[in-house]
């Protein structure tokens, strides 16, 4: 699970994931999240960044885009919008069933 965050946020990120019971196989704090996702063969990107969503979707990979005012212009068949974590889970369940 790559994050575009400085290393100093590693511990707080791990605590947040644990608090919200979000399972992951590994965690990487990197500057180029998209490149790390490709290298790590990430199946689904969950993000709010429009640039990451566009680039990942261009690779024909699904993106769950956490809806924000600054990413409303993103429109791609591989982009699934979510307003909360329940919707994120619903999209993951749907993608898993395909």
PDB file of N, CA and C in Angstrom:
ATOM      1  N   UNK A   1       0.856  -1.159   0.000  1.00  0.00           N
ATOM      2  CA  UNK A   1       0.000   0.000   0.000  1.00  0.00           C
ATOM      3  C   UNK A   1       0.905   1.226   0.000  1.00  0.00           C
ATOM      4  N   UNK A   2       1.149   1.814  -1.165  1.00  0.00           N
ATOM      5  CA  UNK A   2       2.011   2.995  -1.231  1.00  0.00           C
ATOM      6  C   UNK A   2       1.283   4.277  -0.818  1.00  0.00           C
ATOM      7  N   UNK A   3       1.992   5.109  -0.089  1.00  0.00           N
ATOM      8  CA  UNK A   3       1.494   6.418   0.311  1.00  0.00           C
ATOM      9  C   UNK A   3       2.515   7.449  -0.132  1.00  0.00           C
ATOM     10  N   UNK A   4       2.055   8.554  -0.668  1.00  0.00           N
ATOM     11  CA  UNK A   4       2.959   9.657  -1.016  1.00  0.00           C
ATOM     12  C   UNK A   4       3.082  10.551   0.210  1.00  0.00           C
ATOM     13  N   UNK A   5       3.816  10.078   1.190  1.00  0.00           N
ATOM     14  CA  UNK A   5       3.969  10.818   2.447  1.00  0.00           C
ATOM     15  C   UNK A   5       5.428  10.711   2.894  1.00  0.00           C
ATOM     16  N   UNK A   6       5.916  11.740   3.561  1.00  0.00           N
ATOM     17  CA  UNK A   6       7.263  11.647   4.120  1.00  0.00           C
ATOM     18  C   UNK A   6       7.344  10.546   5.183  1.00  0.00           C
ATOM     19  N   UNK A   7       8.535   9.994   5.350  1.00  0.00           N
ATOM     20  CA  UNK A   7       8.737   8.906   6.302  1.00  0.00           C
ATOM     21  C   UNK A   7       8.336   9.261   7.725  1.00  0.00           C
ATOM     22  N   UNK A   8       8.393  10.535   8.080  1.00  0.00           N
ATOM     23  CA  UNK A   8       8.057  10.916   9.450  1.00  0.00           C
ATOM     24  C   UNK A   8       6.586  10.623   9.774  1.00  0.00           C
ATOM     25  N   UNK A   9       5.749  10.398   8.758  1.00  0.00           N
ATOM     26  CA  UNK A   9       4.342  10.071   8.976  1.00  0.00           C
ATOM     27  C   UNK A   9       4.077   8.570   9.039  1.00  0.00           C
ATOM     28  N   UNK A  10       5.110   7.756   8.966  1.00  0.00           N
ATOM     29  CA  UNK A  10       4.926   6.300   8.933  1.00  0.00           C
ATOM     30  C   UNK A  10       4.154   5.801  10.158  1.00  0.00           C
ATOM     31  N   UNK A  11       4.579   6.169  11.335  1.00  0.00           N
ATOM     32  CA  UNK A  11       3.962   5.647  12.562  1.00  0.00           C
ATOM     33  C   UNK A  11       2.505   6.097  12.696  1.00  0.00           C
ATOM     34  N   UNK A  12       2.225   7.364  12.448  1.00  0.00           N
ATOM     35  CA  UNK A  12       0.845   7.848  12.562  1.00  0.00           C
ATOM     36  C   UNK A  12      -0.038   7.185  11.498  1.00  0.00           C
ATOM     37  N   UNK A  13       0.516   6.914  10.327  1.00  0.00           N
ATOM     38  CA  UNK A  13      -0.235   6.227   9.275  1.00  0.00           C
ATOM     39  C   UNK A  13      -0.551   4.801   9.698  1.00  0.00           C
ATOM     40  N   UNK A  14       0.429   4.101  10.239  1.00  0.00           N
ATOM     41  CA  UNK A  14       0.200   2.729  10.714  1.00  0.00           C
ATOM     42  C   UNK A  14      -0.848   2.694  11.822  1.00  0.00           C
ATOM     43  N   UNK A  15      -0.780   3.643  12.739  1.00  0.00           N
ATOM     44  CA  UNK A  15      -1.773   3.706  13.820  1.00  0.00           C
ATOM     45  C   UNK A  15      -3.169   3.964  13.274  1.00  0.00           C
ATOM     46  N   UNK A  16      -3.280   4.840  12.275  1.00  0.00           N
ATOM     47  CA  UNK A  16      -4.578   5.154  11.686  1.00  0.00           C
ATOM     48  C   UNK A  16      -5.156   3.917  10.990  1.00  0.00           C
ATOM     49  N   UNK A  17      -4.332   3.211  10.231  1.00  0.00           N
ATOM     50  CA  UNK A  17      -4.795   2.000   9.547  1.00  0.00           C
ATOM     51  C   UNK A  17      -5.260   0.950  10.549  1.00  0.00           C
ATOM     52  N   UNK A  18      -4.511   0.789  11.630  1.00  0.00           N
ATOM     53  CA  UNK A  18      -4.886  -0.175  12.664  1.00  0.00           C
ATOM     54  C   UNK A  18      -6.199   0.239  13.342  1.00  0.00           C
ATOM     55  N   UNK A  19      -6.325   1.511  13.691  1.00  0.00           N
ATOM     56  CA  UNK A  19      -7.523   2.022  14.342  1.00  0.00           C
ATOM     57  C   UNK A  19      -8.772   1.760  13.499  1.00  0.00           C
ATOM     58  N   UNK A  20      -8.636   1.911  12.169  1.00  0.00           N
ATOM     59  CA  UNK A  20      -9.771   1.740  11.266  1.00  0.00           C
ATOM     60  C   UNK A  20      -9.872   0.328  10.695  1.00  0.00           C
ATOM     61  N   UNK A  21      -9.048  -0.575  11.234  1.00  0.00           N
ATOM     62  CA  UNK A  21      -9.085  -1.998  10.845  1.00  0.00           C
ATOM     63  C   UNK A  21      -8.947  -2.185   9.337  1.00  0.00           C
ATOM     64  N   UNK A  22      -7.998  -1.483   8.748  1.00  0.00           N
ATOM     65  CA  UNK A  22      -7.715  -1.605   7.323  1.00  0.00           C
ATOM     66  C   UNK A  22      -6.517  -2.537   7.157  1.00  0.00           C
ATOM     67  N   UNK A  23      -6.768  -3.681   6.540  1.00  0.00           N
ATOM     68  CA  UNK A  23      -5.716  -4.673   6.331  1.00  0.00           C
ATOM     69  C   UNK A  23      -4.851  -4.295   5.134  1.00  0.00           C
ATOM     70  N   UNK A  24      -3.583  -4.621   5.220  1.00  0.00           N
ATOM     71  CA  UNK A  24      -2.659  -4.383   4.122  1.00  0.00           C
ATOM     72  C   UNK A  24      -1.531  -5.380   4.212  1.00  0.00           C
ATOM     73  N   UNK A  25      -0.882  -5.624   3.062  1.00  0.00           N
ATOM     74  CA  UNK A  25       0.229  -6.576   3.013  1.00  0.00           C
ATOM     75  C   UNK A  25       1.555  -5.905   3.326  1.00  0.00           C
ATOM     76  N   UNK A  26       1.697  -4.684   2.847  1.00  0.00           N
ATOM     77  CA  UNK A  26       2.921  -3.931   3.104  1.00  0.00           C
ATOM     78  C   UNK A  26       2.582  -2.452   2.980  1.00  0.00           C
ATOM     79  N   UNK A  27       3.495  -1.635   3.435  1.00  0.00           N
ATOM     80  CA  UNK A  27       3.293  -0.196   3.342  1.00  0.00           C
ATOM     81  C   UNK A  27       4.598   0.439   2.876  1.00  0.00           C
ATOM     82  N   UNK A  28       4.476   1.365   1.937  1.00  0.00           N
ATOM     83  CA  UNK A  28       5.627   2.099   1.413  1.00  0.00           C
ATOM     84  C   UNK A  28       5.293   3.575   1.440  1.00  0.00           C
ATOM     85  N   UNK A  29       6.155   4.365   2.017  1.00  0.00           N
ATOM     86  CA  UNK A  29       6.001   5.811   1.976  1.00  0.00           C
ATOM     87  C   UNK A  29       6.998   6.318   0.941  1.00  0.00           C
ATOM     88  N   UNK A  30       6.480   6.795  -0.175  1.00  0.00           N
ATOM     89  CA  UNK A  30       7.310   7.131  -1.330  1.00  0.00           C
ATOM     90  C   UNK A  30       6.910   8.489  -1.888  1.00  0.00           C
ATOM     91  N   UNK A  31       7.778   9.034  -2.736  1.00  0.00           N
ATOM     92  CA  UNK A  31       7.451  10.294  -3.393  1.00  0.00           C
ATOM     93  C   UNK A  31       6.633  10.066  -4.658  1.00  0.00           C
ATOM     94  N   UNK A  32       6.909   8.990  -5.391  1.00  0.00           N
ATOM     95  CA  UNK A  32       6.191   8.716  -6.629  1.00  0.00           C
ATOM     96  C   UNK A  32       5.248   7.531  -6.406  1.00  0.00           C
ATOM     97  N   UNK A  33       4.060   7.833  -5.917  1.00  0.00           N
ATOM     98  CA  UNK A  33       3.091   6.800  -5.571  1.00  0.00           C
ATOM     99  C   UNK A  33       2.693   5.964  -6.778  1.00  0.00           C
ATOM    100  N   UNK A  34       2.454   6.599  -7.904  1.00  0.00           N
ATOM    101  CA  UNK A  34       2.011   5.864  -9.090  1.00  0.00           C
ATOM    102  C   UNK A  34       3.056   4.846  -9.528  1.00  0.00           C
ATOM    103  N   UNK A  35       4.296   5.260  -9.571  1.00  0.00           N
ATOM    104  CA  UNK A  35       5.376   4.346  -9.973  1.00  0.00           C
ATOM    105  C   UNK A  35       5.474   3.171  -9.004  1.00  0.00           C
ATOM    106  N   UNK A  36       5.331   3.436  -7.723  1.00  0.00           N
ATOM    107  CA  UNK A  36       5.375   2.364  -6.723  1.00  0.00           C
ATOM    108  C   UNK A  36       4.181   1.426  -6.883  1.00  0.00           C
ATOM    109  N   UNK A  37       3.015   1.966  -7.198  1.00  0.00           N
ATOM    110  CA  UNK A  37       1.826   1.127  -7.427  1.00  0.00           C
ATOM    111  C   UNK A  37       2.041   0.185  -8.606  1.00  0.00           C
ATOM    112  N   UNK A  38       2.614   0.711  -9.673  1.00  0.00           N
ATOM    113  CA  UNK A  38       2.882  -0.113 -10.853  1.00  0.00           C
ATOM    114  C   UNK A  38       3.913  -1.184 -10.510  1.00  0.00           C
ATOM    115  N   UNK A  39       4.994  -0.778  -9.865  1.00  0.00           N
ATOM    116  CA  UNK A  39       6.059  -1.702  -9.491  1.00  0.00           C
ATOM    117  C   UNK A  39       5.542  -2.800  -8.545  1.00  0.00           C
ATOM    118  N   UNK A  40       4.664  -2.436  -7.628  1.00  0.00           N
ATOM    119  CA  UNK A  40       4.140  -3.387  -6.642  1.00  0.00           C
ATOM    120  C   UNK A  40       2.936  -4.176  -7.161  1.00  0.00           C
ATOM    121  N   UNK A  41       2.522  -3.890  -8.388  1.00  0.00           N
ATOM    122  CA  UNK A  41       1.381  -4.569  -9.015  1.00  0.00           C
ATOM    123  C   UNK A  41       0.100  -4.413  -8.197  1.00  0.00           C
ATOM    124  N   UNK A  42      -0.162  -3.175  -7.795  1.00  0.00           N
ATOM    125  CA  UNK A  42      -1.371  -2.848  -7.047  1.00  0.00           C
ATOM    126  C   UNK A  42      -2.582  -3.102  -7.938  1.00  0.00           C
ATOM    127  N   UNK A  43      -3.603  -3.772  -7.387  1.00  0.00           N
ATOM    128  CA  UNK A  43      -4.802  -4.099  -8.155  1.00  0.00           C
ATOM    129  C   UNK A  43      -5.775  -2.933  -8.244  1.00  0.00           C
ATOM    130  N   UNK A  44      -5.934  -2.191  -7.149  1.00  0.00           N
ATOM    131  CA  UNK A  44      -6.896  -1.090  -7.080  1.00  0.00           C
ATOM    132  C   UNK A  44      -6.244   0.062  -6.327  1.00  0.00           C
ATOM    133  N   UNK A  45      -6.354   1.258  -6.892  1.00  0.00           N
ATOM    134  CA  UNK A  45      -5.850   2.447  -6.222  1.00  0.00           C
ATOM    135  C   UNK A  45      -7.010   3.146  -5.531  1.00  0.00           C
ATOM    136  N   UNK A  46      -6.837   3.474  -4.257  1.00  0.00           N
ATOM    137  CA  UNK A  46      -7.814   4.269  -3.512  1.00  0.00           C
ATOM    138  C   UNK A  46      -7.120   5.587  -3.194  1.00  0.00           C
ATOM    139  N   UNK A  47      -7.671   6.667  -3.736  1.00  0.00           N
ATOM    140  CA  UNK A  47      -6.987   7.955  -3.591  1.00  0.00           C
ATOM    141  C   UNK A  47      -7.992   9.079  -3.805  1.00  0.00           C
ATOM    142  N   UNK A  48      -7.573  10.294  -3.492  1.00  0.00           N
ATOM    143  CA  UNK A  48      -8.396  11.465  -3.792  1.00  0.00           C
ATOM    144  C   UNK A  48      -7.714  12.357  -4.820  1.00  0.00           C
ATOM    145  N   UNK A  49      -6.480  12.036  -5.169  1.00  0.00           N
ATOM    146  CA  UNK A  49      -5.717  12.865  -6.092  1.00  0.00           C
ATOM    147  C   UNK A  49      -6.142  12.661  -7.536  1.00  0.00           C
ATOM    148  N   UNK A  50      -6.583  13.732  -8.207  1.00  0.00           N
ATOM    149  CA  UNK A  50      -7.031  13.585  -9.594  1.00  0.00           C
ATOM    150  C   UNK A  50      -5.928  13.117 -10.542  1.00  0.00           C
ATOM    151  N   UNK A  51      -4.700  13.580 -10.328  1.00  0.00           N
ATOM    152  CA  UNK A  51      -3.600  13.185 -11.216  1.00  0.00           C
ATOM    153  C   UNK A  51      -3.309  11.695 -11.090  1.00  0.00           C
ATOM    154  N   UNK A  52      -3.316  11.152  -9.867  1.00  0.00           N
ATOM    155  CA  UNK A  52      -3.102   9.710  -9.689  1.00  0.00           C
ATOM    156  C   UNK A  52      -4.245   8.919 -10.306  1.00  0.00           C
ATOM    157  N   UNK A  53      -5.472   9.374 -10.112  1.00  0.00           N
ATOM    158  CA  UNK A  53      -6.643   8.678 -10.652  1.00  0.00           C
ATOM    159  C   UNK A  53      -6.569   8.607 -12.170  1.00  0.00           C
ATOM    160  N   UNK A  54      -6.281   9.721 -12.801  1.00  0.00           N
ATOM    161  CA  UNK A  54      -6.209   9.752 -14.266  1.00  0.00           C
ATOM    162  C   UNK A  54      -5.116   8.822 -14.788  1.00  0.00           C
ATOM    163  N   UNK A  55      -3.942   8.904 -14.196  1.00  0.00           N
ATOM    164  CA  UNK A  55      -2.820   8.105 -14.682  1.00  0.00           C
ATOM    165  C   UNK A  55      -3.047   6.610 -14.466  1.00  0.00           C
ATOM    166  N   UNK A  56      -3.568   6.234 -13.306  1.00  0.00           N
ATOM    167  CA  UNK A  56      -3.803   4.818 -13.013  1.00  0.00           C
ATOM    168  C   UNK A  56      -4.920   4.279 -13.905  1.00  0.00           C
ATOM    169  N   UNK A  57      -5.976   5.057 -14.104  1.00  0.00           N
ATOM    170  CA  UNK A  57      -7.092   4.636 -14.959  1.00  0.00           C
ATOM    171  C   UNK A  57      -6.644   4.493 -16.414  1.00  0.00           C
ATOM    172  N   UNK A  58      -5.712   5.309 -16.859  1.00  0.00           N
ATOM    173  CA  UNK A  58      -5.188   5.175 -18.222  1.00  0.00           C
ATOM    174  C   UNK A  58      -4.499   3.827 -18.437  1.00  0.00           C
ATOM    175  N   UNK A  59      -4.036   3.220 -17.343  1.00  0.00           N
ATOM    176  CA  UNK A  59      -3.435   1.886 -17.412  1.00  0.00           C
ATOM    177  C   UNK A  59      -4.492   0.788 -17.377  1.00  0.00           C
ATOM    178  N   UNK A  60      -5.767   1.205 -17.417  1.00  0.00           N
ATOM    179  CA  UNK A  60      -6.911   0.296 -17.357  1.00  0.00           C
ATOM    180  C   UNK A  60      -6.956  -0.464 -16.028  1.00  0.00           C
ATOM    181  N   UNK A  61      -6.587   0.264 -14.980  1.00  0.00           N
ATOM    182  CA  UNK A  61      -6.633  -0.264 -13.619  1.00  0.00           C
ATOM    183  C   UNK A  61      -7.713   0.495 -12.855  1.00  0.00           C
ATOM    184  N   UNK A  62      -8.497  -0.200 -12.028  1.00  0.00           N
ATOM    185  CA  UNK A  62      -9.558   0.492 -11.293  1.00  0.00           C
ATOM    186  C   UNK A  62      -9.022   1.431 -10.211  1.00  0.00           C
ATOM    187  N   UNK A  63      -9.719   2.548 -10.101  1.00  0.00           N
ATOM    188  CA  UNK A  63      -9.409   3.559  -9.095  1.00  0.00           C
ATOM    189  C   UNK A  63     -10.686   3.839  -8.310  1.00  0.00           C
ATOM    190  N   UNK A  64     -10.588   3.786  -7.005  1.00  0.00           N
ATOM    191  CA  UNK A  64     -11.689   4.256  -6.161  1.00  0.00           C
ATOM    192  C   UNK A  64     -11.279   5.657  -5.729  1.00  0.00           C
ATOM    193  N   UNK A  65     -11.990   6.620  -6.290  1.00  0.00           N
ATOM    194  CA  UNK A  65     -11.637   8.020  -6.080  1.00  0.00           C
ATOM    195  C   UNK A  65     -12.488   8.584  -4.949  1.00  0.00           C
ATOM    196  N   UNK A  66     -11.828   8.904  -3.855  1.00  0.00           N
ATOM    197  CA  UNK A  66     -12.521   9.500  -2.713  1.00  0.00           C
ATOM    198  C   UNK A  66     -12.916  10.913  -3.117  1.00  0.00           C
ATOM    199  N   UNK A  67     -14.214  11.117  -3.251  1.00  0.00           N
ATOM    200  CA  UNK A  67     -14.738  12.339  -3.855  1.00  0.00           C
ATOM    201  C   UNK A  67     -14.382  13.600  -3.059  1.00  0.00           C
ATOM    202  N   UNK A  68     -13.828  14.551  -3.796  1.00  0.00           N
ATOM    203  CA  UNK A  68     -13.465  15.854  -3.264  1.00  0.00           C
ATOM    204  C   UNK A  68     -13.802  16.903  -4.320  1.00  0.00           C
ATOM    205  N   UNK A  69     -14.017  18.156  -3.928  1.00  0.00           N
ATOM    206  CA  UNK A  69     -14.348  19.197  -4.912  1.00  0.00           C
ATOM    207  C   UNK A  69     -13.300  19.322  -6.027  1.00  0.00           C
ATOM    208  N   UNK A  70     -12.030  19.075  -5.706  1.00  0.00           N
ATOM    209  CA  UNK A  70     -10.970  19.250  -6.691  1.00  0.00           C
ATOM    210  C   UNK A  70     -10.812  18.083  -7.653  1.00  0.00           C
ATOM    211  N   UNK A  71     -11.591  16.986  -7.494  1.00  0.00           N
ATOM    212  CA  UNK A  71     -11.454  15.884  -8.441  1.00  0.00           C
ATOM    213  C   UNK A  71     -12.750  15.559  -9.180  1.00  0.00           C
ATOM    214  N   UNK A  72     -13.724  16.456  -9.107  1.00  0.00           N
ATOM    215  CA  UNK A  72     -15.024  16.203  -9.734  1.00  0.00           C
ATOM    216  C   UNK A  72     -14.959  16.134 -11.258  1.00  0.00           C
ATOM    217  N   UNK A  73     -13.925  16.666 -11.866  1.00  0.00           N
ATOM    218  CA  UNK A  73     -13.810  16.650 -13.328  1.00  0.00           C
ATOM    219  C   UNK A  73     -13.309  15.310 -13.870  1.00  0.00           C
ATOM    220  N   UNK A  74     -12.860  14.422 -13.011  1.00  0.00           N
ATOM    221  CA  UNK A  74     -12.328  13.136 -13.463  1.00  0.00           C
ATOM    222  C   UNK A  74     -13.479  12.240 -13.904  1.00  0.00           C
ATOM    223  N   UNK A  75     -13.378  11.754 -15.137  1.00  0.00           N
ATOM    224  CA  UNK A  75     -14.425  10.908 -15.690  1.00  0.00           C
ATOM    225  C   UNK A  75     -13.766   9.816 -16.528  1.00  0.00           C
ATOM    226  N   UNK A  76     -13.843   8.592 -16.047  1.00  0.00           N
ATOM    227  CA  UNK A  76     -13.216   7.462 -16.726  1.00  0.00           C
ATOM    228  C   UNK A  76     -13.955   6.205 -16.293  1.00  0.00           C
ATOM    229  N   UNK A  77     -14.110   5.254 -17.197  1.00  0.00           N
ATOM    230  CA  UNK A  77     -14.821   4.011 -16.871  1.00  0.00           C
ATOM    231  C   UNK A  77     -14.134   3.209 -15.764  1.00  0.00           C
ATOM    232  N   UNK A  78     -12.852   3.453 -15.541  1.00  0.00           N
ATOM    233  CA  UNK A  78     -12.119   2.725 -14.510  1.00  0.00           C
ATOM    234  C   UNK A  78     -12.119   3.446 -13.164  1.00  0.00           C
ATOM    235  N   UNK A  79     -12.800   4.587 -13.089  1.00  0.00           N
ATOM    236  CA  UNK A  79     -12.857   5.364 -11.848  1.00  0.00           C
ATOM    237  C   UNK A  79     -14.216   5.161 -11.183  1.00  0.00           C
ATOM    238  N   UNK A  80     -14.167   4.733  -9.929  1.00  0.00           N
ATOM    239  CA  UNK A  80     -15.364   4.529  -9.107  1.00  0.00           C
ATOM    240  C   UNK A  80     -15.317   5.555  -7.982  1.00  0.00           C
ATOM    241  N   UNK A  81     -16.351   6.326  -7.833  1.00  0.00           N
ATOM    242  CA  UNK A  81     -16.366   7.389  -6.826  1.00  0.00           C
ATOM    243  C   UNK A  81     -16.901   6.880  -5.494  1.00  0.00           C
ATOM    244  N   UNK A  82     -16.333   7.403  -4.427  1.00  0.00           N
ATOM    245  CA  UNK A  82     -16.779   7.051  -3.076  1.00  0.00           C
ATOM    246  C   UNK A  82     -16.766   8.308  -2.215  1.00  0.00           C
ATOM    247  N   UNK A  83     -17.780   8.412  -1.375  1.00  0.00           N
ATOM    248  CA  UNK A  83     -17.873   9.546  -0.453  1.00  0.00           C
ATOM    249  C   UNK A  83     -17.537   9.158   0.974  1.00  0.00           C
ATOM    250  N   UNK A  84     -17.435   7.852   1.229  1.00  0.00           N
ATOM    251  CA  UNK A  84     -17.108   7.372   2.571  1.00  0.00           C
ATOM    252  C   UNK A  84     -16.515   5.963   2.462  1.00  0.00           C
ATOM    253  N   UNK A  85     -16.034   5.460   3.591  1.00  0.00           N
ATOM    254  CA  UNK A  85     -15.353   4.162   3.570  1.00  0.00           C
ATOM    255  C   UNK A  85     -16.301   2.998   3.308  1.00  0.00           C
ATOM    256  N   UNK A  86     -17.574   3.143   3.627  1.00  0.00           N
ATOM    257  CA  UNK A  86     -18.545   2.089   3.292  1.00  0.00           C
ATOM    258  C   UNK A  86     -18.672   1.956   1.775  1.00  0.00           C
ATOM    259  N   UNK A  87     -18.707   3.070   1.085  1.00  0.00           N
ATOM    260  CA  UNK A  87     -18.776   3.041  -0.377  1.00  0.00           C
ATOM    261  C   UNK A  87     -17.490   2.462  -0.964  1.00  0.00           C
ATOM    262  N   UNK A  88     -16.350   2.766  -0.353  1.00  0.00           N
ATOM    263  CA  UNK A  88     -15.082   2.184  -0.800  1.00  0.00           C
ATOM    264  C   UNK A  88     -15.176   0.663  -0.713  1.00  0.00           C
ATOM    265  N   UNK A  89     -15.662   0.159   0.407  1.00  0.00           N
ATOM    266  CA  UNK A  89     -15.793  -1.294   0.588  1.00  0.00           C
ATOM    267  C   UNK A  89     -16.758  -1.890  -0.431  1.00  0.00           C
ATOM    268  N   UNK A  90     -17.854  -1.211  -0.698  1.00  0.00           N
ATOM    269  CA  UNK A  90     -18.810  -1.708  -1.700  1.00  0.00           C
ATOM    270  C   UNK A  90     -18.147  -1.821  -3.073  1.00  0.00           C
ATOM    271  N   UNK A  91     -17.361  -0.837  -3.429  1.00  0.00           N
ATOM    272  CA  UNK A  91     -16.650  -0.898  -4.720  1.00  0.00           C
ATOM    273  C   UNK A  91     -15.637  -2.039  -4.736  1.00  0.00           C
ATOM    274  N   UNK A  92     -14.933  -2.224  -3.637  1.00  0.00           N
ATOM    275  CA  UNK A  92     -13.956  -3.316  -3.571  1.00  0.00           C
ATOM    276  C   UNK A  92     -14.671  -4.660  -3.700  1.00  0.00           C
ATOM    277  N   UNK A  93     -15.785  -4.821  -3.006  1.00  0.00           N
ATOM    278  CA  UNK A  93     -16.559  -6.066  -3.118  1.00  0.00           C
ATOM    279  C   UNK A  93     -17.022  -6.290  -4.553  1.00  0.00           C
ATOM    280  N   UNK A  94     -17.500  -5.225  -5.207  1.00  0.00           N
ATOM    281  CA  UNK A  94     -17.956  -5.330  -6.594  1.00  0.00           C
ATOM    282  C   UNK A  94     -16.790  -5.732  -7.497  1.00  0.00           C
ATOM    283  N   UNK A  95     -15.660  -5.054  -7.368  1.00  0.00           N
ATOM    284  CA  UNK A  95     -14.500  -5.362  -8.205  1.00  0.00           C
ATOM    285  C   UNK A  95     -14.001  -6.765  -7.958  1.00  0.00           C
ATOM    286  N   UNK A  96     -14.076  -7.214  -6.717  1.00  0.00           N
ATOM    287  CA  UNK A  96     -13.647  -8.572  -6.370  1.00  0.00           C
ATOM    288  C   UNK A  96     -14.545  -9.630  -6.998  1.00  0.00           C
ATOM    289  N   UNK A  97     -15.809  -9.298  -7.221  1.00  0.00           N
ATOM    290  CA  UNK A  97     -16.759 -10.253  -7.780  1.00  0.00           C
ATOM    291  C   UNK A  97     -16.678 -10.351  -9.308  1.00  0.00           C
ATOM    292  N   UNK A  98     -15.987  -9.431  -9.948  1.00  0.00           N
ATOM    293  CA  UNK A  98     -15.888  -9.414 -11.415  1.00  0.00           C
ATOM    294  C   UNK A  98     -14.985 -10.503 -11.935  1.00  0.00           C
TER     295      UNK A  98
END
